[in-house]
């Protein structure tokens, strides 16, 4: 089942999907967000939608990836999943 998401969320997830397409990047993103890899895969396949906090963190990660900067290991102190 595909989530019902607005244009902005779908656009962000498409950007994240592109940035995470290289080997190991989905795992890196999962560690950055402190969620399971399967959860990231569900978000990127539009099977589930991330919450607001995770969406903002995804945006931060994808901007860093697009700017060829190393994303910090994790901005979170607790798990959101």
N, C-alpha and C. Protein backbone atom coordinates (compact mmCIF):
# COMPACT_ATOMS: atom_id res chain seq x y z
N UNK A 1 0.84 -1.17 0.00
CA UNK A 1 0.00 0.00 0.00
C UNK A 1 0.89 1.24 0.00
N UNK A 2 0.53 2.22 -0.78
CA UNK A 2 1.27 3.46 -0.87
C UNK A 2 0.64 4.49 0.06
N UNK A 3 1.51 5.25 0.73
CA UNK A 3 1.01 6.27 1.65
C UNK A 3 0.39 7.43 0.87
N UNK A 4 -0.50 8.11 1.54
CA UNK A 4 -1.03 9.35 0.98
C UNK A 4 -0.15 10.46 1.53
N UNK A 5 0.66 11.04 0.68
CA UNK A 5 1.59 12.08 1.11
C UNK A 5 1.50 13.24 0.13
N UNK A 6 1.78 14.42 0.64
CA UNK A 6 1.78 15.59 -0.20
C UNK A 6 2.99 15.63 -1.11
N UNK A 7 2.98 16.57 -2.00
CA UNK A 7 4.05 16.74 -2.98
C UNK A 7 5.39 16.97 -2.28
N UNK A 8 5.40 17.75 -1.21
CA UNK A 8 6.66 18.06 -0.54
C UNK A 8 7.30 16.83 0.09
N UNK A 9 6.51 16.01 0.76
CA UNK A 9 7.05 14.80 1.38
C UNK A 9 7.52 13.82 0.30
N UNK A 10 6.74 13.64 -0.74
CA UNK A 10 7.14 12.74 -1.82
C UNK A 10 8.43 13.23 -2.48
N UNK A 11 8.56 14.54 -2.65
CA UNK A 11 9.77 15.10 -3.23
C UNK A 11 10.98 14.84 -2.33
N UNK A 12 10.81 15.06 -1.04
CA UNK A 12 11.91 14.81 -0.10
C UNK A 12 12.29 13.34 -0.12
N UNK A 13 11.32 12.45 -0.06
CA UNK A 13 11.62 11.02 -0.06
C UNK A 13 12.30 10.59 -1.35
N UNK A 14 11.96 11.21 -2.47
CA UNK A 14 12.63 10.91 -3.73
C UNK A 14 14.09 11.35 -3.67
N UNK A 15 14.34 12.52 -3.08
CA UNK A 15 15.72 13.00 -2.92
C UNK A 15 16.51 12.09 -1.99
N UNK A 16 15.88 11.67 -0.89
CA UNK A 16 16.54 10.76 0.06
C UNK A 16 16.83 9.43 -0.64
N UNK A 17 15.87 8.93 -1.38
CA UNK A 17 16.05 7.67 -2.11
C UNK A 17 17.24 7.76 -3.05
N UNK A 18 17.36 8.86 -3.76
CA UNK A 18 18.48 9.07 -4.68
C UNK A 18 19.80 9.11 -3.91
N UNK A 19 19.84 9.87 -2.83
CA UNK A 19 21.07 10.00 -2.04
C UNK A 19 21.44 8.69 -1.36
N UNK A 20 20.45 7.86 -1.06
CA UNK A 20 20.69 6.60 -0.36
C UNK A 20 20.88 5.42 -1.31
N UNK A 21 20.98 5.69 -2.60
CA UNK A 21 21.07 4.60 -3.57
C UNK A 21 22.46 3.96 -3.62
N UNK A 22 23.47 4.68 -3.20
CA UNK A 22 24.83 4.11 -3.19
C UNK A 22 24.95 3.05 -2.10
N UNK A 23 25.86 2.12 -2.31
CA UNK A 23 26.06 1.01 -1.37
C UNK A 23 26.33 1.53 0.04
N UNK A 24 25.54 1.03 0.99
CA UNK A 24 25.73 1.35 2.40
C UNK A 24 25.05 2.61 2.88
N UNK A 25 24.49 3.39 1.98
CA UNK A 25 23.89 4.67 2.38
C UNK A 25 22.58 4.50 3.15
N UNK A 26 21.78 3.50 2.82
CA UNK A 26 20.54 3.28 3.58
C UNK A 26 20.88 2.89 5.01
N UNK A 27 21.90 2.08 5.18
CA UNK A 27 22.35 1.69 6.52
C UNK A 27 22.86 2.92 7.27
N UNK A 28 23.61 3.75 6.58
CA UNK A 28 24.10 5.00 7.19
C UNK A 28 22.94 5.88 7.63
N UNK A 29 21.94 6.00 6.76
CA UNK A 29 20.76 6.81 7.10
C UNK A 29 20.02 6.22 8.29
N UNK A 30 19.85 4.91 8.31
CA UNK A 30 19.16 4.26 9.44
C UNK A 30 19.90 4.54 10.75
N UNK A 31 21.21 4.46 10.73
CA UNK A 31 21.99 4.75 11.94
C UNK A 31 21.86 6.21 12.33
N UNK A 32 21.88 7.10 11.34
CA UNK A 32 21.73 8.53 11.59
C UNK A 32 20.39 8.82 12.27
N UNK A 33 19.34 8.16 11.79
CA UNK A 33 18.00 8.38 12.32
C UNK A 33 17.70 7.52 13.55
N UNK A 34 18.59 6.56 13.82
CA UNK A 34 18.40 5.61 14.92
C UNK A 34 17.11 4.81 14.79
N UNK A 35 16.94 4.29 13.58
CA UNK A 35 15.80 3.41 13.28
C UNK A 35 16.34 2.17 12.58
N UNK A 36 15.49 1.17 12.45
CA UNK A 36 15.88 -0.05 11.75
C UNK A 36 15.95 0.20 10.24
N UNK A 37 16.81 -0.54 9.58
CA UNK A 37 16.95 -0.43 8.13
C UNK A 37 15.63 -0.73 7.42
N UNK A 38 14.87 -1.69 7.92
CA UNK A 38 13.59 -2.02 7.31
C UNK A 38 12.63 -0.83 7.36
N UNK A 39 12.71 -0.04 8.42
CA UNK A 39 11.86 1.15 8.53
C UNK A 39 12.22 2.16 7.46
N UNK A 40 13.51 2.39 7.26
CA UNK A 40 13.96 3.30 6.20
C UNK A 40 13.46 2.79 4.85
N UNK A 41 13.59 1.51 4.61
CA UNK A 41 13.13 0.93 3.34
C UNK A 41 11.63 1.14 3.14
N UNK A 42 10.85 1.01 4.22
CA UNK A 42 9.40 1.22 4.12
C UNK A 42 9.09 2.68 3.78
N UNK A 43 9.81 3.60 4.39
CA UNK A 43 9.60 5.01 4.08
C UNK A 43 9.96 5.31 2.62
N UNK A 44 11.10 4.80 2.17
CA UNK A 44 11.55 5.10 0.82
C UNK A 44 10.72 4.43 -0.26
N UNK A 45 10.03 3.36 0.09
CA UNK A 45 9.13 2.71 -0.87
C UNK A 45 7.71 3.24 -0.74
N UNK A 46 7.52 4.22 0.12
CA UNK A 46 6.24 4.88 0.37
C UNK A 46 5.20 3.94 0.99
N UNK A 47 5.67 2.90 1.69
CA UNK A 47 4.76 2.01 2.40
C UNK A 47 4.34 2.61 3.74
N UNK A 48 5.18 3.43 4.31
CA UNK A 48 4.91 4.12 5.58
C UNK A 48 5.43 5.53 5.47
N UNK A 49 4.89 6.42 6.29
CA UNK A 49 5.35 7.80 6.30
C UNK A 49 6.12 8.07 7.60
N UNK A 50 7.24 8.78 7.51
CA UNK A 50 7.96 9.15 8.72
C UNK A 50 7.22 10.24 9.47
N UNK A 51 7.46 10.33 10.79
CA UNK A 51 6.85 11.41 11.56
C UNK A 51 7.57 12.73 11.26
N UNK A 52 7.08 13.79 11.82
CA UNK A 52 7.63 15.12 11.55
C UNK A 52 9.10 15.27 11.92
N UNK A 53 9.47 14.79 13.10
CA UNK A 53 10.86 14.90 13.55
C UNK A 53 11.80 14.15 12.63
N UNK A 54 11.42 12.94 12.27
CA UNK A 54 12.25 12.13 11.36
C UNK A 54 12.33 12.79 9.98
N UNK A 55 11.22 13.36 9.52
CA UNK A 55 11.22 14.03 8.23
C UNK A 55 12.23 15.17 8.21
N UNK A 56 12.26 15.96 9.29
CA UNK A 56 13.21 17.07 9.37
C UNK A 56 14.65 16.55 9.40
N UNK A 57 14.87 15.45 10.11
CA UNK A 57 16.22 14.87 10.16
C UNK A 57 16.62 14.30 8.80
N UNK A 58 15.66 13.71 8.09
CA UNK A 58 15.94 13.22 6.73
C UNK A 58 16.35 14.38 5.83
N UNK A 59 15.66 15.50 5.97
CA UNK A 59 15.99 16.67 5.17
C UNK A 59 17.42 17.13 5.47
N UNK A 60 17.78 17.15 6.73
CA UNK A 60 19.14 17.54 7.12
C UNK A 60 20.16 16.58 6.51
N UNK A 61 19.87 15.27 6.58
CA UNK A 61 20.79 14.26 6.04
C UNK A 61 20.93 14.40 4.53
N UNK A 62 19.82 14.55 3.83
CA UNK A 62 19.89 14.60 2.37
C UNK A 62 20.59 15.87 1.90
N UNK A 63 20.40 16.97 2.57
CA UNK A 63 21.11 18.20 2.20
C UNK A 63 22.61 18.00 2.36
N UNK A 64 23.02 17.37 3.47
CA UNK A 64 24.44 17.09 3.69
C UNK A 64 24.98 16.17 2.60
N UNK A 65 24.21 15.16 2.21
CA UNK A 65 24.65 14.24 1.16
C UNK A 65 24.76 14.97 -0.18
N UNK A 66 23.78 15.80 -0.47
CA UNK A 66 23.78 16.53 -1.74
C UNK A 66 24.92 17.54 -1.80
N UNK A 67 25.34 18.04 -0.66
CA UNK A 67 26.46 18.98 -0.59
C UNK A 67 27.80 18.26 -0.43
N UNK A 68 27.78 16.92 -0.49
CA UNK A 68 28.97 16.09 -0.34
C UNK A 68 29.68 16.31 0.98
N UNK A 69 28.92 16.58 1.99
CA UNK A 69 29.47 16.71 3.34
C UNK A 69 29.20 15.41 4.08
N UNK A 70 30.01 15.12 5.05
CA UNK A 70 29.75 13.96 5.89
C UNK A 70 28.69 14.32 6.90
N UNK A 71 27.62 13.55 6.92
CA UNK A 71 26.56 13.76 7.90
C UNK A 71 27.09 13.34 9.27
N UNK A 72 26.68 14.04 10.32
CA UNK A 72 27.09 13.61 11.65
C UNK A 72 26.59 12.20 11.93
N UNK A 73 27.26 11.51 12.83
CA UNK A 73 26.90 10.11 13.10
C UNK A 73 25.48 9.98 13.59
N UNK A 74 25.01 10.89 14.41
CA UNK A 74 23.62 10.88 14.84
C UNK A 74 23.32 12.13 15.64
N UNK A 75 22.22 12.80 15.34
CA UNK A 75 21.84 13.98 16.10
C UNK A 75 20.95 13.64 17.27
N UNK A 76 20.59 12.39 17.43
CA UNK A 76 19.57 12.01 18.39
C UNK A 76 20.16 11.42 19.66
N UNK A 77 19.48 11.63 20.75
CA UNK A 77 19.86 11.01 22.00
C UNK A 77 18.98 9.80 22.30
N UNK A 78 17.82 9.72 21.64
CA UNK A 78 16.92 8.61 21.87
C UNK A 78 16.38 8.10 20.54
N UNK A 79 15.84 6.92 20.57
CA UNK A 79 15.30 6.31 19.36
C UNK A 79 13.86 6.77 19.14
N UNK A 80 13.49 6.98 17.86
CA UNK A 80 12.13 7.36 17.51
C UNK A 80 11.37 6.20 16.91
N UNK A 81 11.96 5.01 16.94
CA UNK A 81 11.27 3.86 16.37
C UNK A 81 11.49 2.64 17.19
